[in-house]
């Protein structure tokens, strides 16, 4: 799970309940309450990454993935720091 902070606040009580759309090629959904994330302790980290670095790392990850290069439609995941 990743917690991402965005500019501007949203009241979780105003978000839809029981269905949160996830990354799944437009078909992913988790049927839970958005309030279920309340009380989860944040990960302590000083990591900060620029959007351009995310794009670079994504392209590099795709370049290294033989299945992605062959199909352009595979689900995968990676762990990285800001450079690799």
PDB file of N, CA and C in Angstrom:
ATOM      1  N   UNK A   1       0.840  -1.155   0.000  1.00  0.00           N
ATOM      2  CA  UNK A   1       0.000   0.000   0.000  1.00  0.00           C
ATOM      3  C   UNK A   1       0.889   1.223   0.000  1.00  0.00           C
ATOM      4  N   UNK A   2       0.498   2.218  -0.735  1.00  0.00           N
ATOM      5  CA  UNK A   2       1.216   3.485  -0.749  1.00  0.00           C
ATOM      6  C   UNK A   2       0.265   4.584  -0.322  1.00  0.00           C
ATOM      7  N   UNK A   3       0.761   5.490   0.445  1.00  0.00           N
ATOM      8  CA  UNK A   3      -0.027   6.661   0.827  1.00  0.00           C
ATOM      9  C   UNK A   3       0.613   7.852   0.137  1.00  0.00           C
ATOM     10  N   UNK A   4      -0.170   8.565  -0.630  1.00  0.00           N
ATOM     11  CA  UNK A   4       0.328   9.697  -1.405  1.00  0.00           C
ATOM     12  C   UNK A   4      -0.421  10.942  -0.959  1.00  0.00           C
ATOM     13  N   UNK A   5       0.309  12.008  -0.657  1.00  0.00           N
ATOM     14  CA  UNK A   5      -0.304  13.262  -0.264  1.00  0.00           C
ATOM     15  C   UNK A   5      -0.407  14.153  -1.485  1.00  0.00           C
ATOM     16  N   UNK A   6      -1.561  14.740  -1.676  1.00  0.00           N
ATOM     17  CA  UNK A   6      -1.816  15.640  -2.788  1.00  0.00           C
ATOM     18  C   UNK A   6      -2.119  17.030  -2.258  1.00  0.00           C
ATOM     19  N   UNK A   7      -1.946  18.023  -3.121  1.00  0.00           N
ATOM     20  CA  UNK A   7      -2.334  19.372  -2.739  1.00  0.00           C
ATOM     21  C   UNK A   7      -3.851  19.422  -2.669  1.00  0.00           C
ATOM     22  N   UNK A   8      -4.360  20.049  -1.660  1.00  0.00           N
ATOM     23  CA  UNK A   8      -5.813  20.122  -1.486  1.00  0.00           C
ATOM     24  C   UNK A   8      -6.306  18.916  -0.719  1.00  0.00           C
ATOM     25  N   UNK A   9      -7.151  19.131   0.256  1.00  0.00           N
ATOM     26  CA  UNK A   9      -7.641  18.033   1.095  1.00  0.00           C
ATOM     27  C   UNK A   9      -9.013  17.578   0.631  1.00  0.00           C
ATOM     28  N   UNK A  10      -9.261  16.306   0.829  1.00  0.00           N
ATOM     29  CA  UNK A  10     -10.581  15.718   0.589  1.00  0.00           C
ATOM     30  C   UNK A  10     -11.052  15.121   1.906  1.00  0.00           C
ATOM     31  N   UNK A  11     -12.304  15.300   2.200  1.00  0.00           N
ATOM     32  CA  UNK A  11     -12.890  14.686   3.382  1.00  0.00           C
ATOM     33  C   UNK A  11     -13.239  13.249   3.031  1.00  0.00           C
ATOM     34  N   UNK A  12     -12.617  12.281   3.726  1.00  0.00           N
ATOM     35  CA  UNK A  12     -12.862  10.876   3.413  1.00  0.00           C
ATOM     36  C   UNK A  12     -14.336  10.512   3.526  1.00  0.00           C
ATOM     37  N   UNK A  13     -15.057  11.197   4.393  1.00  0.00           N
ATOM     38  CA  UNK A  13     -16.481  10.893   4.538  1.00  0.00           C
ATOM     39  C   UNK A  13     -17.259  11.231   3.267  1.00  0.00           C
ATOM     40  N   UNK A  14     -16.695  12.087   2.405  1.00  0.00           N
ATOM     41  CA  UNK A  14     -17.370  12.453   1.158  1.00  0.00           C
ATOM     42  C   UNK A  14     -17.030  11.499   0.012  1.00  0.00           C
ATOM     43  N   UNK A  15     -16.054  10.637   0.202  1.00  0.00           N
ATOM     44  CA  UNK A  15     -15.665   9.704  -0.856  1.00  0.00           C
ATOM     45  C   UNK A  15     -16.641   8.539  -0.915  1.00  0.00           C
ATOM     46  N   UNK A  16     -16.737   7.894  -2.086  1.00  0.00           N
ATOM     47  CA  UNK A  16     -17.659   6.753  -2.199  1.00  0.00           C
ATOM     48  C   UNK A  16     -17.245   5.617  -1.270  1.00  0.00           C
ATOM     49  N   UNK A  17     -18.230   4.949  -0.729  1.00  0.00           N
ATOM     50  CA  UNK A  17     -17.969   3.831   0.160  1.00  0.00           C
ATOM     51  C   UNK A  17     -18.105   2.520  -0.588  1.00  0.00           C
ATOM     52  N   UNK A  18     -17.415   1.541  -0.082  1.00  0.00           N
ATOM     53  CA  UNK A  18     -17.506   0.158  -0.539  1.00  0.00           C
ATOM     54  C   UNK A  18     -16.868  -0.112  -1.893  1.00  0.00           C
ATOM     55  N   UNK A  19     -16.461   0.905  -2.630  1.00  0.00           N
ATOM     56  CA  UNK A  19     -15.827   0.630  -3.911  1.00  0.00           C
ATOM     57  C   UNK A  19     -14.774   1.697  -4.183  1.00  0.00           C
ATOM     58  N   UNK A  20     -13.524   1.303  -4.171  1.00  0.00           N
ATOM     59  CA  UNK A  20     -12.418   2.187  -4.492  1.00  0.00           C
ATOM     60  C   UNK A  20     -11.785   1.645  -5.760  1.00  0.00           C
ATOM     61  N   UNK A  21     -11.714   2.461  -6.806  1.00  0.00           N
ATOM     62  CA  UNK A  21     -11.139   2.019  -8.073  1.00  0.00           C
ATOM     63  C   UNK A  21      -9.622   1.940  -7.922  1.00  0.00           C
ATOM     64  N   UNK A  22      -9.056   0.843  -8.353  1.00  0.00           N
ATOM     65  CA  UNK A  22      -7.616   0.624  -8.261  1.00  0.00           C
ATOM     66  C   UNK A  22      -7.029   0.480  -9.651  1.00  0.00           C
ATOM     67  N   UNK A  23      -5.715   0.383  -9.715  1.00  0.00           N
ATOM     68  CA  UNK A  23      -5.075   0.191 -11.017  1.00  0.00           C
ATOM     69  C   UNK A  23      -5.291  -1.248 -11.457  1.00  0.00           C
ATOM     70  N   UNK A  24      -6.004  -1.427 -12.496  1.00  0.00           N
ATOM     71  CA  UNK A  24      -6.285  -2.755 -13.032  1.00  0.00           C
ATOM     72  C   UNK A  24      -6.786  -2.616 -14.453  1.00  0.00           C
ATOM     73  N   UNK A  25      -6.110  -1.782 -15.221  1.00  0.00           N
ATOM     74  CA  UNK A  25      -6.501  -1.535 -16.613  1.00  0.00           C
ATOM     75  C   UNK A  25      -7.953  -1.071 -16.690  1.00  0.00           C
ATOM     76  N   UNK A  26      -8.367  -0.271 -15.728  1.00  0.00           N
ATOM     77  CA  UNK A  26      -9.724   0.239 -15.722  1.00  0.00           C
ATOM     78  C   UNK A  26     -10.745  -0.711 -15.143  1.00  0.00           C
ATOM     79  N   UNK A  27     -10.325  -1.890 -14.740  1.00  0.00           N
ATOM     80  CA  UNK A  27     -11.270  -2.884 -14.236  1.00  0.00           C
ATOM     81  C   UNK A  27     -11.046  -3.214 -12.768  1.00  0.00           C
ATOM     82  N   UNK A  28     -10.024  -2.644 -12.150  1.00  0.00           N
ATOM     83  CA  UNK A  28      -9.722  -2.977 -10.764  1.00  0.00           C
ATOM     84  C   UNK A  28     -10.649  -2.252  -9.808  1.00  0.00           C
ATOM     85  N   UNK A  29     -11.056  -2.924  -8.772  1.00  0.00           N
ATOM     86  CA  UNK A  29     -11.883  -2.301  -7.743  1.00  0.00           C
ATOM     87  C   UNK A  29     -11.709  -3.054  -6.438  1.00  0.00           C
ATOM     88  N   UNK A  30     -11.634  -2.307  -5.359  1.00  0.00           N
ATOM     89  CA  UNK A  30     -11.625  -2.890  -4.022  1.00  0.00           C
ATOM     90  C   UNK A  30     -12.936  -2.491  -3.373  1.00  0.00           C
ATOM     91  N   UNK A  31     -13.652  -3.449  -2.882  1.00  0.00           N
ATOM     92  CA  UNK A  31     -14.944  -3.163  -2.280  1.00  0.00           C
ATOM     93  C   UNK A  31     -14.787  -3.024  -0.778  1.00  0.00           C
ATOM     94  N   UNK A  32     -14.345  -1.831  -0.380  1.00  0.00           N
ATOM     95  CA  UNK A  32     -14.127  -1.516   1.021  1.00  0.00           C
ATOM     96  C   UNK A  32     -14.463  -0.059   1.236  1.00  0.00           C
ATOM     97  N   UNK A  33     -14.545   0.336   2.452  1.00  0.00           N
ATOM     98  CA  UNK A  33     -14.800   1.728   2.784  1.00  0.00           C
ATOM     99  C   UNK A  33     -13.496   2.511   2.714  1.00  0.00           C
ATOM    100  N   UNK A  34     -13.555   3.714   2.158  1.00  0.00           N
ATOM    101  CA  UNK A  34     -12.375   4.576   2.118  1.00  0.00           C
ATOM    102  C   UNK A  34     -11.915   4.935   3.524  1.00  0.00           C
ATOM    103  N   UNK A  35     -12.806   4.878   4.491  1.00  0.00           N
ATOM    104  CA  UNK A  35     -12.445   5.189   5.875  1.00  0.00           C
ATOM    105  C   UNK A  35     -11.617   4.089   6.522  1.00  0.00           C
ATOM    106  N   UNK A  36     -11.520   2.920   5.880  1.00  0.00           N
ATOM    107  CA  UNK A  36     -10.731   1.817   6.433  1.00  0.00           C
ATOM    108  C   UNK A  36      -9.255   2.168   6.555  1.00  0.00           C
ATOM    109  N   UNK A  37      -8.795   3.160   5.818  1.00  0.00           N
ATOM    110  CA  UNK A  37      -7.377   3.518   5.888  1.00  0.00           C
ATOM    111  C   UNK A  37      -7.070   4.415   7.083  1.00  0.00           C
ATOM    112  N   UNK A  38      -8.103   4.935   7.728  1.00  0.00           N
ATOM    113  CA  UNK A  38      -7.883   5.757   8.910  1.00  0.00           C
ATOM    114  C   UNK A  38      -7.170   4.936   9.978  1.00  0.00           C
ATOM    115  N   UNK A  39      -6.212   5.532  10.630  1.00  0.00           N
ATOM    116  CA  UNK A  39      -5.508   4.863  11.709  1.00  0.00           C
ATOM    117  C   UNK A  39      -4.283   4.081  11.260  1.00  0.00           C
ATOM    118  N   UNK A  40      -4.061   3.961   9.963  1.00  0.00           N
ATOM    119  CA  UNK A  40      -2.854   3.285   9.481  1.00  0.00           C
ATOM    120  C   UNK A  40      -1.673   4.214   9.733  1.00  0.00           C
ATOM    121  N   UNK A  41      -0.642   3.685  10.359  1.00  0.00           N
ATOM    122  CA  UNK A  41       0.518   4.501  10.690  1.00  0.00           C
ATOM    123  C   UNK A  41       1.343   4.782   9.439  1.00  0.00           C
ATOM    124  N   UNK A  42       1.794   6.019   9.264  1.00  0.00           N
ATOM    125  CA  UNK A  42       2.608   6.351   8.094  1.00  0.00           C
ATOM    126  C   UNK A  42       4.005   5.737   8.193  1.00  0.00           C
ATOM    127  N   UNK A  43       4.595   5.472   7.062  1.00  0.00           N
ATOM    128  CA  UNK A  43       5.975   5.001   6.995  1.00  0.00           C
ATOM    129  C   UNK A  43       6.869   6.219   7.155  1.00  0.00           C
ATOM    130  N   UNK A  44       7.823   6.132   8.059  1.00  0.00           N
ATOM    131  CA  UNK A  44       8.756   7.235   8.255  1.00  0.00           C
ATOM    132  C   UNK A  44       9.831   7.152   7.183  1.00  0.00           C
ATOM    133  N   UNK A  45       9.916   8.167   6.349  1.00  0.00           N
ATOM    134  CA  UNK A  45      10.899   8.174   5.274  1.00  0.00           C
ATOM    135  C   UNK A  45      11.188   9.607   4.857  1.00  0.00           C
ATOM    136  N   UNK A  46      12.422   9.839   4.477  1.00  0.00           N
ATOM    137  CA  UNK A  46      12.791  11.152   3.955  1.00  0.00           C
ATOM    138  C   UNK A  46      12.823  11.132   2.426  1.00  0.00           C
ATOM    139  N   UNK A  47      12.395  10.016   1.828  1.00  0.00           N
ATOM    140  CA  UNK A  47      12.416   9.884   0.374  1.00  0.00           C
ATOM    141  C   UNK A  47      11.491  10.902  -0.272  1.00  0.00           C
ATOM    142  N   UNK A  48      12.022  11.591  -1.242  1.00  0.00           N
ATOM    143  CA  UNK A  48      11.246  12.519  -2.058  1.00  0.00           C
ATOM    144  C   UNK A  48      11.678  12.285  -3.493  1.00  0.00           C
ATOM    145  N   UNK A  49      10.727  12.137  -4.401  1.00  0.00           N
ATOM    146  CA  UNK A  49      11.073  11.816  -5.779  1.00  0.00           C
ATOM    147  C   UNK A  49      10.313  12.736  -6.721  1.00  0.00           C
ATOM    148  N   UNK A  50      11.004  13.218  -7.717  1.00  0.00           N
ATOM    149  CA  UNK A  50      10.423  14.126  -8.694  1.00  0.00           C
ATOM    150  C   UNK A  50       9.615  13.347  -9.727  1.00  0.00           C
ATOM    151  N   UNK A  51       8.563  13.943 -10.267  1.00  0.00           N
ATOM    152  CA  UNK A  51       7.784  13.271 -11.313  1.00  0.00           C
ATOM    153  C   UNK A  51       8.633  12.810 -12.498  1.00  0.00           C
ATOM    154  N   UNK A  52       9.611  13.605 -12.897  1.00  0.00           N
ATOM    155  CA  UNK A  52      10.480  13.220 -14.020  1.00  0.00           C
ATOM    156  C   UNK A  52      11.265  11.950 -13.698  1.00  0.00           C
ATOM    157  N   UNK A  53      11.676  11.789 -12.437  1.00  0.00           N
ATOM    158  CA  UNK A  53      12.395  10.576 -12.035  1.00  0.00           C
ATOM    159  C   UNK A  53      11.475   9.358 -12.072  1.00  0.00           C
ATOM    160  N   UNK A  54      10.204   9.545 -11.690  1.00  0.00           N
ATOM    161  CA  UNK A  54       9.244   8.440 -11.761  1.00  0.00           C
ATOM    162  C   UNK A  54       9.078   7.996 -13.207  1.00  0.00           C
ATOM    163  N   UNK A  55       8.940   8.946 -14.117  1.00  0.00           N
ATOM    164  CA  UNK A  55       8.806   8.604 -15.541  1.00  0.00           C
ATOM    165  C   UNK A  55      10.046   7.886 -16.053  1.00  0.00           C
ATOM    166  N   UNK A  56      11.224   8.379 -15.681  1.00  0.00           N
ATOM    167  CA  UNK A  56      12.473   7.739 -16.109  1.00  0.00           C
ATOM    168  C   UNK A  56      12.563   6.309 -15.579  1.00  0.00           C
ATOM    169  N   UNK A  57      12.277   6.129 -14.291  1.00  0.00           N
ATOM    170  CA  UNK A  57      12.356   4.795 -13.691  1.00  0.00           C
ATOM    171  C   UNK A  57      11.328   3.847 -14.306  1.00  0.00           C
ATOM    172  N   UNK A  58      10.144   4.355 -14.619  1.00  0.00           N
ATOM    173  CA  UNK A  58       9.121   3.524 -15.262  1.00  0.00           C
ATOM    174  C   UNK A  58       9.590   3.070 -16.635  1.00  0.00           C
ATOM    175  N   UNK A  59      10.134   3.990 -17.411  1.00  0.00           N
ATOM    176  CA  UNK A  59      10.639   3.634 -18.749  1.00  0.00           C
ATOM    177  C   UNK A  59      11.777   2.630 -18.653  1.00  0.00           C
ATOM    178  N   UNK A  60      12.663   2.812 -17.693  1.00  0.00           N
ATOM    179  CA  UNK A  60      13.780   1.884 -17.506  1.00  0.00           C
ATOM    180  C   UNK A  60      13.269   0.503 -17.097  1.00  0.00           C
ATOM    181  N   UNK A  61      12.281   0.476 -16.215  1.00  0.00           N
ATOM    182  CA  UNK A  61      11.686  -0.787 -15.784  1.00  0.00           C
ATOM    183  C   UNK A  61      11.054  -1.507 -16.969  1.00  0.00           C
ATOM    184  N   UNK A  62      10.323  -0.772 -17.789  1.00  0.00           N
ATOM    185  CA  UNK A  62       9.698  -1.366 -18.968  1.00  0.00           C
ATOM    186  C   UNK A  62      10.753  -1.860 -19.961  1.00  0.00           C
ATOM    187  N   UNK A  63      11.838  -1.107 -20.096  1.00  0.00           N
ATOM    188  CA  UNK A  63      12.907  -1.507 -21.013  1.00  0.00           C
ATOM    189  C   UNK A  63      13.538  -2.822 -20.573  1.00  0.00           C
ATOM    190  N   UNK A  64      13.642  -3.023 -19.272  1.00  0.00           N
ATOM    191  CA  UNK A  64      14.267  -4.237 -18.742  1.00  0.00           C
ATOM    192  C   UNK A  64      13.319  -5.437 -18.707  1.00  0.00           C
ATOM    193  N   UNK A  65      12.043  -5.221 -18.910  1.00  0.00           N
ATOM    194  CA  UNK A  65      11.058  -6.296 -18.827  1.00  0.00           C
ATOM    195  C   UNK A  65      10.826  -6.920 -20.198  1.00  0.00           C
ATOM    196  N   UNK A  66      11.305  -8.139 -20.381  1.00  0.00           N
ATOM    197  CA  UNK A  66      11.134  -8.829 -21.662  1.00  0.00           C
ATOM    198  C   UNK A  66       9.662  -9.044 -21.992  1.00  0.00           C
ATOM    199  N   UNK A  67       8.869  -9.415 -21.001  1.00  0.00           N
ATOM    200  CA  UNK A  67       7.449  -9.674 -21.246  1.00  0.00           C
ATOM    201  C   UNK A  67       6.736  -8.381 -21.640  1.00  0.00           C
ATOM    202  N   UNK A  68       7.079  -7.261 -20.972  1.00  0.00           N
ATOM    203  CA  UNK A  68       6.452  -5.987 -21.334  1.00  0.00           C
ATOM    204  C   UNK A  68       6.807  -5.612 -22.770  1.00  0.00           C
ATOM    205  N   UNK A  69       8.074  -5.757 -23.130  1.00  0.00           N
ATOM    206  CA  UNK A  69       8.489  -5.402 -24.494  1.00  0.00           C
ATOM    207  C   UNK A  69       7.767  -6.256 -25.527  1.00  0.00           C
ATOM    208  N   UNK A  70       7.478  -7.503 -25.185  1.00  0.00           N
ATOM    209  CA  UNK A  70       6.815  -8.404 -26.131  1.00  0.00           C
ATOM    210  C   UNK A  70       5.310  -8.151 -26.208  1.00  0.00           C
ATOM    211  N   UNK A  71       4.691  -7.725 -25.099  1.00  0.00           N
ATOM    212  CA  UNK A  71       3.230  -7.637 -25.063  1.00  0.00           C
ATOM    213  C   UNK A  71       2.683  -6.233 -24.843  1.00  0.00           C
ATOM    214  N   UNK A  72       3.445  -5.370 -24.207  1.00  0.00           N
ATOM    215  CA  UNK A  72       2.999  -4.026 -23.800  1.00  0.00           C
ATOM    216  C   UNK A  72       1.726  -4.092 -22.966  1.00  0.00           C
ATOM    217  N   UNK A  73       1.519  -5.201 -22.276  1.00  0.00           N
ATOM    218  CA  UNK A  73       0.309  -5.335 -21.471  1.00  0.00           C
ATOM    219  C   UNK A  73       0.461  -6.316 -20.340  1.00  0.00           C
ATOM    220  N   UNK A  74       1.466  -6.145 -19.512  1.00  0.00           N
ATOM    221  CA  UNK A  74       1.686  -7.070 -18.410  1.00  0.00           C
ATOM    222  C   UNK A  74       1.703  -6.277 -17.100  1.00  0.00           C
ATOM    223  N   UNK A  75       1.163  -6.866 -16.054  1.00  0.00           N
ATOM    224  CA  UNK A  75       1.214  -6.238 -14.738  1.00  0.00           C
ATOM    225  C   UNK A  75       2.504  -6.665 -14.051  1.00  0.00           C
ATOM    226  N   UNK A  76       3.187  -5.706 -13.461  1.00  0.00           N
ATOM    227  CA  UNK A  76       4.429  -5.997 -12.765  1.00  0.00           C
ATOM    228  C   UNK A  76       4.645  -4.930 -11.709  1.00  0.00           C
ATOM    229  N   UNK A  77       5.640  -5.146 -10.870  1.00  0.00           N
ATOM    230  CA  UNK A  77       5.927  -4.207  -9.790  1.00  0.00           C
ATOM    231  C   UNK A  77       7.426  -4.124  -9.589  1.00  0.00           C
ATOM    232  N   UNK A  78       7.849  -3.059  -8.943  1.00  0.00           N
ATOM    233  CA  UNK A  78       9.267  -2.847  -8.719  1.00  0.00           C
ATOM    234  C   UNK A  78       9.469  -2.074  -7.425  1.00  0.00           C
ATOM    235  N   UNK A  79      10.623  -2.284  -6.817  1.00  0.00           N
ATOM    236  CA  UNK A  79      11.074  -1.462  -5.700  1.00  0.00           C
ATOM    237  C   UNK A  79      12.281  -0.689  -6.191  1.00  0.00           C
ATOM    238  N   UNK A  80      12.387   0.566  -5.803  1.00  0.00           N
ATOM    239  CA  UNK A  80      13.522   1.355  -6.284  1.00  0.00           C
ATOM    240  C   UNK A  80      13.828   2.478  -5.304  1.00  0.00           C
ATOM    241  N   UNK A  81      14.970   3.110  -5.546  1.00  0.00           N
ATOM    242  CA  UNK A  81      15.260   4.357  -4.863  1.00  0.00           C
ATOM    243  C   UNK A  81      15.056   5.459  -5.905  1.00  0.00           C
ATOM    244  N   UNK A  82      15.622   6.609  -5.708  1.00  0.00           N
ATOM    245  CA  UNK A  82      15.367   7.696  -6.651  1.00  0.00           C
ATOM    246  C   UNK A  82      16.134   7.566  -7.959  1.00  0.00           C
ATOM    247  N   UNK A  83      17.087   6.654  -8.030  1.00  0.00           N
ATOM    248  CA  UNK A  83      17.908   6.536  -9.238  1.00  0.00           C
ATOM    249  C   UNK A  83      17.861   5.169  -9.892  1.00  0.00           C
ATOM    250  N   UNK A  84      17.543   4.130  -9.171  1.00  0.00           N
ATOM    251  CA  UNK A  84      17.640   2.769  -9.724  1.00  0.00           C
ATOM    252  C   UNK A  84      16.552   1.871  -9.177  1.00  0.00           C
TER     253      UNK A  84
END
